[in-house]
Amino acid sequence: MSKSKLMSLDEAVASVNDGDQVALGGWIFNAQPMALVRALIRKGVRDLNLIPAPGSIAPDMLIGAGCARSTACVFISFEQFGLAPHFRRQAEAGTLKVYELDGPGIAGGLRAGICDLPWSPIPDLGTDLPRHTPEHYWPLPTKPGERKLLAAAAIKPDVCLLHAQQADEYGNVQYLASPFFDAMLAQASRRVIVSVDRIVSTDTIRKSNHLTKLPSALVDVIVEAPYGAHPASSPSLYGADELHLKEYVRASASAEAFAAYLKRYVSNAAAHADYLDALGGARLASLAVSETNLT
């Protein structure tokens, strides 16, 4: 008989240790695993090595809260709201080690991790990344006239934090829109923790099995966290909260303001329901969308 993989937020992150390599799924302001990130900050983990898919507030908040010592990333961006404040500040100060990657580098590294290989070949696009990030790129021998190739070092995160729209209690995870890099991150990682906006029955999963992007065999822990991606979006359920993202950017302008932000939305919101209460029902209702792929 299948065993339930449902846990609370605190139980889910209990296995994340100082110094772990932590992958973060989603894509910029889509499906950021924010409820799990806030739980990690409350736990007080330190010296994490972050591997975000092109991300925004999830890695930036961990960096600002003092939880990270490095990141290997393509970019961390706040798009229309400017540069990621804590990522930029600490990268410029040298207090955060940044390993610069490009799309082929992270995809090739994950492929190598998935296949349990030390590296994977990728095309040499002519960048200077091998010079800046020799830990992740090095040239491969090629014959005259052949396309130049690089080796992309394997990426094997200790733990992967993801957010999706729904799952059953056994860990069959469904996405109502693009899974982005999430499936590759999950396959390459040693442990996979997924928060979802709702738990549904296994019968519901079977009726729309084309939406299952992460089968139970890939998932270690499931957490039910409605609006668990907030202030990012959860595609087909709710949009990104631009007012809150602006509040975050303003609060990130000074250490005092950011400490107050973390106190209100992280330390004083020990339960996920407390965080939702701090936002207010009217705010959350205004973000809801009516799109669906359940056909």
Foldseek 3Di string as FASTA:
>chain_A
DFDFQADALLVLCVPPAAQFAEEFFDAALEFTQQLNLLSVLLVPHAAYEYEYEQYEDSVLVCLLSHHHQEYEYQAYQNVVLGRRQSVVVCVVVVSYHYQHDHPQQVVQQLVCLLVVHQWGKDFDPPDCSCVVHVVAWDWDDDDPPDGTIITGGHDEGQEYETEAAEEARLAQGFHQDDRRCVLSNLSSYPAYEYEHQYHDHVVLCVLQVVRRSDGSVSHNHYYHARVSSPCGHHPQFFHHQVVVVNQCVVQSPDSVSNVVVSVCQRVVCNHSVSNDVSCPPVSRVVGTDRGGPSD
